[in-house]
Structure formats: C-alpha cells, structure tokens
Amino acid sequence: MSYLLERLRARGWRMTSQRRVIAEVLDGDHVHLTADEVHARAAQRLPEISRATVYKTLGEMVSLGEVIEVSTDGRAKRYDPNTHHAHQHLVCSNCGTIRDVHPTGDPLADLPAVERFGFQVSEAEVTYRGLCPSCS
C-alpha cells in the first residue's frame, strides 16, 4: 500500500476508487506529476475517471497538507506527495524534470540577521537549477 494512501486513510478520508487510484499514482520517490499526467496514469487503471475528479481530488489533498503544489518557471503545477520529509527541489532548466534533494545545513540559519529586515522567518524554499543528465 502506498505511504500517501496510508496517511489519507489515517485521517479518515473517505476512500473512493477514484481517490485510491490517484493516491497510488502519486506514490513513490521523486514524484512530481502535473494534473494531466496524474489523470493519464489514473485513467490507465480506472478508465472512467474524469479530469475534473483528478483536479478536485488533488485540490483536496493539497488542502489536507498531504500533497504540495510545486510551480517552477511558469510551467504547469506539479504535485509532490513528499510532505512529511523536509526537502528541496532540483529542477532541470531545460526539460523541467524535478528531483527531491536533501541538502545539509539549515537555510533559515544561513540567512544573516541583517538580511532578515526584522522579519520573523519561519520557513525557506530553496530551488536548485541546472541541466539533468539527459539535457546536458
């Protein structure tokens, strides 16, 4: 069973066949699919699933905090189920491939006090960019 599916069931989220298939499609490491990609993969398993159901379900998962939306450089939103493990993203500047990375260090601690301008900083998002092996 997928880790995302387990988390959703633990929340008592009503598990329809459509929701189950969407959660299974999102299972795995380095998963950053667009809604259309989720729909295509879900439709292979459940042909009657609608695009609207996929969009609605993804929105619900985001609202629950079980999936995060990742947007890079004006490209389509992608959905990341890895919400319970701190990580950053490595993005290919050419094809848009995204990988989860776990750099050492604390990006909050790396911001000098003089650069905080009095803000009470609570989180930091760091995105690493470069060319993936296929594009380089």
Protein backbone atom coordinates (compact mmCIF):
# COMPACT_ATOMS: atom_id res chain seq x y z
CA MET A 1 0.00 0.00 0.00
CA SER A 2 1.25 3.49 -0.78
CA TYR A 3 2.51 5.72 2.00
CA LEU A 4 0.21 8.54 0.80
CA LEU A 5 -2.76 6.17 0.84
CA GLU A 6 -1.90 5.13 4.40
CA ARG A 7 -1.72 8.78 5.51
CA LEU A 8 -5.06 9.61 3.90
CA ARG A 9 -6.75 6.59 5.47
CA ALA A 10 -5.29 7.51 8.88
CA ARG A 11 -7.01 10.91 8.51
CA GLY A 12 -10.32 9.14 7.96
CA TRP A 13 -10.57 10.49 4.41
CA ARG A 14 -13.35 8.69 2.57
CA MET A 15 -11.57 6.42 0.12
CA THR A 16 -13.43 6.09 -3.18
CA SER A 17 -11.96 4.09 -6.04
CA GLN A 18 -11.02 7.37 -7.79
CA ARG A 19 -9.22 8.76 -4.72
CA ARG A 20 -7.43 5.46 -4.17
CA VAL A 21 -6.14 5.35 -7.76
CA ILE A 22 -4.97 8.98 -7.62
CA ALA A 23 -3.11 8.33 -4.35
CA GLU A 24 -1.50 5.23 -5.85
CA VAL A 25 -0.40 7.18 -8.95
CA LEU A 26 1.29 9.74 -6.69
CA ASP A 27 3.16 7.08 -4.72
CA GLY A 28 6.95 6.91 -4.84
CA ASP A 29 10.12 8.94 -4.55
CA HIS A 30 10.70 11.95 -6.79
CA VAL A 31 7.06 12.05 -7.92
CA HIS A 32 6.19 15.48 -9.33
CA LEU A 33 3.39 14.92 -11.81
CA THR A 34 1.13 17.50 -13.43
CA ALA A 35 -2.63 17.06 -13.03
CA ASP A 36 -2.82 15.91 -16.64
CA GLU A 37 -0.10 13.32 -16.03
CA VAL A 38 -1.96 12.11 -12.93
CA HIS A 39 -5.15 11.86 -14.99
CA ALA A 40 -3.44 9.91 -17.80
CA ARG A 41 -1.91 7.40 -15.38
CA ALA A 42 -5.09 7.09 -13.33
CA ALA A 43 -7.15 6.51 -16.49
CA GLN A 44 -4.93 3.54 -17.36
CA ARG A 45 -6.11 1.92 -14.13
CA LEU A 46 -9.63 3.35 -13.99
CA PRO A 47 -10.72 4.40 -17.50
CA GLU A 48 -13.88 6.18 -16.36
CA ILE A 49 -12.05 8.67 -14.09
CA SER A 50 -12.64 12.24 -15.19
CA ARG A 51 -10.13 15.07 -15.42
CA ALA A 52 -12.41 17.13 -13.12
CA THR A 53 -12.28 14.41 -10.45
CA VAL A 54 -8.48 14.38 -10.63
CA TYR A 55 -8.26 18.18 -10.27
CA LYS A 56 -10.76 18.21 -7.39
CA THR A 57 -9.02 15.36 -5.59
CA LEU A 58 -5.58 16.94 -5.97
CA GLY A 59 -7.00 20.19 -4.56
CA GLU A 60 -8.40 18.31 -1.57
CA MET A 61 -5.07 16.56 -0.96
CA VAL A 62 -3.30 19.94 -1.07
CA SER A 63 -5.85 21.40 1.39
CA LEU A 64 -5.23 18.47 3.73
CA GLY A 65 -1.47 19.12 3.54
CA GLU A 66 -0.81 15.63 2.19
CA VAL A 67 0.39 16.89 -1.21
CA ILE A 68 2.11 20.15 -2.10
CA GLU A 69 1.92 22.11 -5.32
CA VAL A 70 5.27 22.82 -6.92
CA SER A 71 5.48 25.57 -9.53
CA THR A 72 8.68 26.29 -11.41
CA ASP A 73 9.33 28.94 -14.03
CA GLY A 74 5.72 29.36 -15.15
CA ARG A 75 5.38 25.69 -16.02
CA ALA A 76 2.32 23.63 -15.08
CA LYS A 77 1.84 22.97 -11.38
CA ARG A 78 3.21 19.66 -10.24
CA TYR A 79 2.08 17.66 -7.23
CA ASP A 80 4.55 16.34 -4.65
CA PRO A 81 3.36 13.78 -2.07
CA ASN A 82 6.59 14.01 -0.07
CA THR A 83 5.18 16.41 2.53
CA HIS A 84 6.40 14.69 5.68
CA HIS A 85 10.13 14.79 4.94
CA ALA A 86 11.94 18.11 4.69
CA HIS A 87 13.47 18.51 1.25
CA GLN A 88 14.25 20.97 -1.50
CA HIS A 89 13.95 20.60 -5.26
CA LEU A 90 16.48 20.23 -8.05
CA VAL A 91 14.98 21.35 -11.38
CA CYS A 92 16.29 20.88 -14.90
CA SER A 93 16.28 24.30 -16.56
CA ASN A 94 15.65 22.70 -19.95
CA CYS A 95 13.06 19.90 -19.60
CA GLY A 96 11.63 20.72 -16.15
CA THR A 97 12.45 17.38 -14.51
CA ILE A 98 12.25 17.73 -10.72
CA ARG A 99 14.08 15.67 -8.12
CA ASP A 100 13.84 15.85 -4.33
CA VAL A 101 17.15 16.67 -2.66
CA HIS A 102 18.18 16.77 0.98
CA PRO A 103 21.00 19.30 1.37
CA THR A 104 22.88 19.53 4.61
CA GLY A 105 22.60 22.73 6.58
CA ASP A 106 19.67 24.90 7.55
CA PRO A 107 18.57 27.53 5.02
CA LEU A 108 16.93 29.53 7.83
CA ALA A 109 20.19 29.68 9.74
CA ASP A 110 22.05 30.64 6.56
CA LEU A 111 20.13 33.94 6.25
CA PRO A 112 22.12 36.56 8.19
CA ALA A 113 20.18 38.64 10.74
CA VAL A 114 20.94 41.83 8.79
CA GLU A 115 19.21 40.32 5.74
CA ARG A 116 16.02 39.46 7.66
CA PHE A 117 14.90 43.10 7.86
CA GLY A 118 13.05 42.44 11.11
CA PHE A 119 11.06 39.51 9.66
CA GLN A 120 10.33 36.54 11.89
CA VAL A 121 11.38 33.99 9.27
CA SER A 122 9.52 30.70 9.65
CA GLU A 123 10.43 28.78 6.50
CA ALA A 124 12.63 28.85 3.44
CA GLU A 125 12.21 27.38 -0.02
CA VAL A 126 15.39 26.69 -1.95
CA THR A 127 15.31 25.51 -5.56
CA TYR A 128 18.45 24.26 -7.22
CA ARG A 129 18.61 24.57 -11.01
CA GLY A 130 20.81 23.03 -13.65
CA LEU A 131 20.72 20.56 -16.52
CA CYS A 132 19.76 16.93 -15.96
CA PRO A 133 21.93 14.19 -17.50
CA SER A 134 19.55 13.82 -20.47
CA CYS A 135 19.72 17.54 -21.31
CA SER A 136 23.40 18.20 -20.69
